[in-house]
Each structure stands twice: as C-alpha cells, then as structure tokens.
Amino acid sequence: MIRLLSMSLLTCLSLGCSQLAADATKAIQGKATALKEADLPNCSKVLTCCAHPDTASLTQVACGKITVPVDAVIAKYTASKKDIQANVQLTAAQKTTALADLKVATQDTMEPGCRCLLEDTVGKVSAAGVPTPLDCQTVTTTGALPQGKTCADVTSLVTGP
C-alpha cells in the first residue's frame, strides 16, 4: 500500500497535483501514537515506528534487531524514575533533582542512539521518497550527537556490543 501511495505521490508531484499529493502524505502520516516515555521521545518512536503498519514491512529486519534493546532502555529509565519517586529517604527537592539528573543523563546517552537508530531505519525509507508516518519522524529537540561522536558510537550504547 505504501509503495502504491508513494508512486502515486511521485507521479502526481511531477504532474503538478499538489493538493492530491498533500492529501496522500497526510493519509500516510495520520496521527502519531502516544509515546511510551515522553522523556525519551526518539526511543519511544523507534518502537511505535517499528509497529506502524505502513513501515513494518520496510523496516522489519532492522526493527527485529533494535526493538528489544530500545524497550529495555525505556524500561530501565521508567524503573529508575519509580525508584527515585518511591525513595522515602529523599526529600521532595532531592527527588526533583535526582529525576532531572536521570532525565538529562539518559537523554545525553541513550536518546542520541535511539535517534540514530530511527534515522537509520525509516530515515532511509523517507530518503527514497516514501512519506514518513508521524510515528517515524525523529524528535530533533533531543538526541543530538555529542561532539566528536558518530551514530556508530552512540547506537552501541543502546544495542550493546
């Protein structure tokens, strides 16, 4: 289905059918799925993108290798948040600080890897002219590569050695 829509979209663009092309793109993009973890939007989008019906067949091989480790990153993060919130030895201010530190540390280490994984799977599909569903679009406000690092450096933090 996505190939048919993509071919129709490309044909229409070449013929000047801009409104039909916009409607086709909107139909493919639809409404984004809720994030599994709002603090880790790119990690969450890896999971929703891999499960998206319009991209599942296109990214099946890549997704099969990354969804389990990405899900583990989110699970570890949410468990750590719950541990901090449940710690009766911490004051409210200490909990707030600990949660903020956890968020920053995880966004600085894991989100770049998830963003690269997302770009390396569905990003390649969209680069080929296939409209990208909202579930597969990277969140650019988080997950920037640390200076001097490559995607290979940061994805290994998510997927392991």
C-alpha atoms as a PDB file:
ATOM      1  CA  MET A   1       0.000   0.000   0.000  1.00  0.00           C
ATOM      2  CA  ILE A   2       2.748   2.433   0.900  1.00  0.00           C
ATOM      3  CA  ARG A   3       4.533   1.745  -2.384  1.00  0.00           C
ATOM      4  CA  LEU A   4       1.348   2.446  -4.348  1.00  0.00           C
ATOM      5  CA  LEU A   5       0.766   5.675  -2.451  1.00  0.00           C
ATOM      6  CA  SER A   6       4.394   6.669  -2.907  1.00  0.00           C
ATOM      7  CA  MET A   7       4.330   6.009  -6.631  1.00  0.00           C
ATOM      8  CA  SER A   8       1.058   7.908  -6.946  1.00  0.00           C
ATOM      9  CA  LEU A   9       2.507  10.742  -4.922  1.00  0.00           C
ATOM     10  CA  LEU A  10       5.650  10.965  -7.056  1.00  0.00           C
ATOM     11  CA  THR A  11       3.642  10.796 -10.285  1.00  0.00           C
ATOM     12  CA  CYS A  12       1.268  13.427  -9.046  1.00  0.00           C
ATOM     13  CA  LEU A  13       4.101  15.708  -7.953  1.00  0.00           C
ATOM     14  CA  SER A  14       5.647  15.501 -11.404  1.00  0.00           C
ATOM     15  CA  LEU A  15       2.295  16.361 -12.980  1.00  0.00           C
ATOM     16  CA  GLY A  16       1.582  19.242 -10.580  1.00  0.00           C
ATOM     17  CA  CYS A  17      -1.173  17.663  -8.482  1.00  0.00           C
ATOM     18  CA  SER A  18      -0.071  19.356  -5.264  1.00  0.00           C
ATOM     19  CA  GLN A  19      -3.379  19.039  -3.366  1.00  0.00           C
ATOM     20  CA  LEU A  20      -3.714  15.330  -4.121  1.00  0.00           C
ATOM     21  CA  ALA A  21      -0.081  14.822  -3.101  1.00  0.00           C
ATOM     22  CA  ALA A  22      -0.667  16.677   0.169  1.00  0.00           C
ATOM     23  CA  ASP A  23      -3.740  14.521   0.857  1.00  0.00           C
ATOM     24  CA  ALA A  24      -1.775  11.333   0.175  1.00  0.00           C
ATOM     25  CA  THR A  25       1.017  12.399   2.510  1.00  0.00           C
ATOM     26  CA  LYS A  26      -1.491  13.300   5.212  1.00  0.00           C
ATOM     27  CA  ALA A  27      -3.194   9.912   4.855  1.00  0.00           C
ATOM     28  CA  ILE A  28       0.123   8.115   5.311  1.00  0.00           C
ATOM     29  CA  GLN A  29       1.253  10.276   8.199  1.00  0.00           C
ATOM     30  CA  GLY A  30      -2.051  10.106  10.089  1.00  0.00           C
ATOM     31  CA  LYS A  31      -1.978  10.683  13.824  1.00  0.00           C
ATOM     32  CA  ALA A  32       1.088   9.894  15.911  1.00  0.00           C
ATOM     33  CA  THR A  33       0.860   7.167  18.546  1.00  0.00           C
ATOM     34  CA  ALA A  34       1.334   8.230  22.162  1.00  0.00           C
ATOM     35  CA  LEU A  35       4.927   7.972  23.310  1.00  0.00           C
ATOM     36  CA  LYS A  36       5.772   5.121  25.660  1.00  0.00           C
ATOM     37  CA  GLU A  37       8.068   7.502  27.581  1.00  0.00           C
ATOM     38  CA  ALA A  38       7.759  11.243  26.973  1.00  0.00           C
ATOM     39  CA  ASP A  39      11.268  11.918  28.299  1.00  0.00           C
ATOM     40  CA  LEU A  40      12.708   9.577  25.655  1.00  0.00           C
ATOM     41  CA  PRO A  41      10.760  10.517  22.518  1.00  0.00           C
ATOM     42  CA  ASN A  42      13.151   9.068  19.938  1.00  0.00           C
ATOM     43  CA  CYS A  43      13.428   5.783  21.825  1.00  0.00           C
ATOM     44  CA  SER A  44       9.637   5.675  22.025  1.00  0.00           C
ATOM     45  CA  LYS A  45       9.310   6.441  18.332  1.00  0.00           C
ATOM     46  CA  VAL A  46      11.622   3.557  17.447  1.00  0.00           C
ATOM     47  CA  LEU A  47       9.021   1.248  18.997  1.00  0.00           C
ATOM     48  CA  THR A  48       5.961   2.932  17.505  1.00  0.00           C
ATOM     49  CA  CYS A  49       7.600   3.260  14.094  1.00  0.00           C
ATOM     50  CA  CYS A  50       8.581  -0.390  14.009  1.00  0.00           C
ATOM     51  CA  ALA A  51       4.993  -1.304  14.875  1.00  0.00           C
ATOM     52  CA  HIS A  52       3.457   1.120  12.347  1.00  0.00           C
ATOM     53  CA  PRO A  53       1.556  -0.793   9.635  1.00  0.00           C
ATOM     54  CA  ASP A  54       2.917   1.372   6.795  1.00  0.00           C
ATOM     55  CA  THR A  55       6.561   0.814   7.686  1.00  0.00           C
ATOM     56  CA  ALA A  56       6.662  -2.585   9.377  1.00  0.00           C
ATOM     57  CA  SER A  57       7.421  -4.476   6.164  1.00  0.00           C
ATOM     58  CA  LEU A  58      10.017  -1.934   5.062  1.00  0.00           C
ATOM     59  CA  THR A  59      11.921  -1.923   8.347  1.00  0.00           C
ATOM     60  CA  GLN A  60      11.233  -5.450   9.587  1.00  0.00           C
ATOM     61  CA  VAL A  61      14.839  -6.683   9.515  1.00  0.00           C
ATOM     62  CA  ALA A  62      16.254  -3.598  11.233  1.00  0.00           C
ATOM     63  CA  CYS A  63      13.408  -3.390  13.731  1.00  0.00           C
ATOM     64  CA  GLY A  64      13.795  -7.014  14.716  1.00  0.00           C
ATOM     65  CA  LYS A  65      17.290  -6.227  15.977  1.00  0.00           C
ATOM     66  CA  ILE A  66      16.565  -2.979  17.812  1.00  0.00           C
ATOM     67  CA  THR A  67      13.146  -3.096  19.458  1.00  0.00           C
ATOM     68  CA  VAL A  68      14.149  -5.344  22.366  1.00  0.00           C
ATOM     69  CA  PRO A  69      17.176  -3.258  23.439  1.00  0.00           C
ATOM     70  CA  VAL A  70      15.276   0.015  22.956  1.00  0.00           C
ATOM     71  CA  ASP A  71      12.384  -1.319  25.022  1.00  0.00           C
ATOM     72  CA  ALA A  72      14.930  -2.303  27.704  1.00  0.00           C
ATOM     73  CA  VAL A  73      16.306   1.272  27.754  1.00  0.00           C
ATOM     74  CA  ILE A  74      12.812   2.647  28.342  1.00  0.00           C
ATOM     75  CA  ALA A  75      12.048   0.004  30.979  1.00  0.00           C
ATOM     76  CA  LYS A  76      15.268   0.777  32.870  1.00  0.00           C
ATOM     77  CA  TYR A  77      14.545   4.504  32.722  1.00  0.00           C
ATOM     78  CA  THR A  78      10.970   4.176  33.988  1.00  0.00           C
ATOM     79  CA  ALA A  79      12.081   1.781  36.751  1.00  0.00           C
ATOM     80  CA  SER A  80      14.754   4.260  37.842  1.00  0.00           C
ATOM     81  CA  LYS A  81      12.161   7.065  37.915  1.00  0.00           C
ATOM     82  CA  LYS A  82       9.860   4.933  40.062  1.00  0.00           C
ATOM     83  CA  ASP A  83      12.720   4.055  42.428  1.00  0.00           C
ATOM     84  CA  ILE A  84      13.540   7.729  42.912  1.00  0.00           C
ATOM     85  CA  GLN A  85       9.898   8.657  43.457  1.00  0.00           C
ATOM     86  CA  ALA A  86       9.412   5.830  45.961  1.00  0.00           C
ATOM     87  CA  ASN A  87      12.586   6.559  47.951  1.00  0.00           C
ATOM     88  CA  VAL A  88      11.329   7.772  51.340  1.00  0.00           C
ATOM     89  CA  GLN A  89      14.821   8.848  52.370  1.00  0.00           C
ATOM     90  CA  LEU A  90      14.837  11.623  49.778  1.00  0.00           C
ATOM     91  CA  THR A  91      13.181  14.991  50.290  1.00  0.00           C
ATOM     92  CA  ALA A  92      10.907  16.370  47.590  1.00  0.00           C
ATOM     93  CA  ALA A  93      13.714  18.679  46.435  1.00  0.00           C
ATOM     94  CA  GLN A  94      16.178  15.781  46.282  1.00  0.00           C
ATOM     95  CA  LYS A  95      13.711  13.718  44.278  1.00  0.00           C
ATOM     96  CA  THR A  96      13.213  16.587  41.844  1.00  0.00           C
ATOM     97  CA  THR A  97      16.967  16.960  41.417  1.00  0.00           C
ATOM     98  CA  ALA A  98      17.515  13.208  41.054  1.00  0.00           C
ATOM     99  CA  LEU A  99      14.754  12.929  38.448  1.00  0.00           C
ATOM    100  CA  ALA A 100      16.164  15.877  36.499  1.00  0.00           C
ATOM    101  CA  ASP A 101      19.664  14.363  36.623  1.00  0.00           C
ATOM    102  CA  LEU A 102      18.336  10.991  35.437  1.00  0.00           C
ATOM    103  CA  LYS A 103      16.479  12.630  32.566  1.00  0.00           C
ATOM    104  CA  VAL A 104      19.494  14.652  31.410  1.00  0.00           C
ATOM    105  CA  ALA A 105      21.875  11.712  31.723  1.00  0.00           C
ATOM    106  CA  THR A 106      19.578   9.392  29.787  1.00  0.00           C
ATOM    107  CA  GLN A 107      18.788  11.964  27.125  1.00  0.00           C
ATOM    108  CA  ASP A 108      22.505  12.651  26.709  1.00  0.00           C
ATOM    109  CA  THR A 109      23.470   8.970  26.395  1.00  0.00           C
ATOM    110  CA  MET A 110      20.533   6.930  25.095  1.00  0.00           C
ATOM    111  CA  GLU A 111      18.441   9.387  23.078  1.00  0.00           C
ATOM    112  CA  PRO A 112      21.221  10.035  20.513  1.00  0.00           C
ATOM    113  CA  GLY A 113      21.465   6.289  19.928  1.00  0.00           C
ATOM    114  CA  CYS A 114      17.712   5.967  19.515  1.00  0.00           C
ATOM    115  CA  ARG A 115      17.608   8.960  17.189  1.00  0.00           C
ATOM    116  CA  CYS A 116      20.338   7.391  15.040  1.00  0.00           C
ATOM    117  CA  LEU A 117      18.519   4.048  15.029  1.00  0.00           C
ATOM    118  CA  LEU A 118      15.321   5.777  13.934  1.00  0.00           C
ATOM    119  CA  GLU A 119      17.102   7.730  11.201  1.00  0.00           C
ATOM    120  CA  ASP A 120      18.990   4.643  10.019  1.00  0.00           C
ATOM    121  CA  THR A 121      15.833   2.556   9.591  1.00  0.00           C
ATOM    122  CA  VAL A 122      12.906   4.636   8.435  1.00  0.00           C
ATOM    123  CA  GLY A 123      15.055   7.607   7.555  1.00  0.00           C
ATOM    124  CA  LYS A 124      16.411   5.597   4.660  1.00  0.00           C
ATOM    125  CA  VAL A 125      12.875   4.847   3.514  1.00  0.00           C
ATOM    126  CA  SER A 126      11.875   8.501   3.571  1.00  0.00           C
ATOM    127  CA  ALA A 127      15.106   9.443   1.788  1.00  0.00           C
ATOM    128  CA  ALA A 128      13.928   7.197  -1.048  1.00  0.00           C
ATOM    129  CA  GLY A 129      10.819   9.353  -1.458  1.00  0.00           C
ATOM    130  CA  VAL A 130       8.389   7.392   0.719  1.00  0.00           C
ATOM    131  CA  PRO A 131       6.438   9.712   3.024  1.00  0.00           C
ATOM    132  CA  THR A 132       7.308   9.088   6.655  1.00  0.00           C
ATOM    133  CA  PRO A 133       4.479   8.434   9.125  1.00  0.00           C
ATOM    134  CA  LEU A 134       4.443  10.748  12.156  1.00  0.00           C
ATOM    135  CA  ASP A 135       5.368   7.768  14.339  1.00  0.00           C
ATOM    136  CA  CYS A 136       8.661   7.559  12.473  1.00  0.00           C
ATOM    137  CA  GLN A 137       9.760  11.172  12.432  1.00  0.00           C
ATOM    138  CA  THR A 138      12.666  11.981  14.707  1.00  0.00           C
ATOM    139  CA  VAL A 139      12.303  14.479  17.510  1.00  0.00           C
ATOM    140  CA  THR A 140      15.052  16.997  16.855  1.00  0.00           C
ATOM    141  CA  THR A 141      14.851  18.750  20.232  1.00  0.00           C
ATOM    142  CA  THR A 142      16.615  15.816  21.876  1.00  0.00           C
ATOM    143  CA  GLY A 143      19.119  13.195  20.860  1.00  0.00           C
ATOM    144  CA  ALA A 144      21.724  15.317  19.129  1.00  0.00           C
ATOM    145  CA  LEU A 145      25.053  13.564  18.697  1.00  0.00           C
ATOM    146  CA  PRO A 146      27.626  14.546  21.296  1.00  0.00           C
ATOM    147  CA  GLN A 147      30.550  16.442  19.790  1.00  0.00           C
ATOM    148  CA  GLY A 148      33.037  14.133  18.151  1.00  0.00           C
ATOM    149  CA  LYS A 149      30.710  11.094  18.232  1.00  0.00           C
ATOM    150  CA  THR A 150      29.185   9.197  15.336  1.00  0.00           C
ATOM    151  CA  CYS A 151      25.979   7.195  15.164  1.00  0.00           C
ATOM    152  CA  ALA A 152      28.049   4.019  15.483  1.00  0.00           C
ATOM    153  CA  ASP A 153      29.416   5.296  18.795  1.00  0.00           C
ATOM    154  CA  VAL A 154      26.019   6.034  20.321  1.00  0.00           C
ATOM    155  CA  THR A 155      23.881   3.223  18.919  1.00  0.00           C
ATOM    156  CA  SER A 156      26.152   0.690  20.587  1.00  0.00           C
ATOM    157  CA  LEU A 157      25.146   2.206  23.954  1.00  0.00           C
ATOM    158  CA  VAL A 158      21.548   1.240  23.181  1.00  0.00           C
ATOM    159  CA  THR A 159      22.009  -2.079  21.399  1.00  0.00           C
ATOM    160  CA  GLY A 160      25.035  -3.357  23.290  1.00  0.00           C
ATOM    161  CA  PRO A 161      28.378  -4.571  21.977  1.00  0.00           C
END
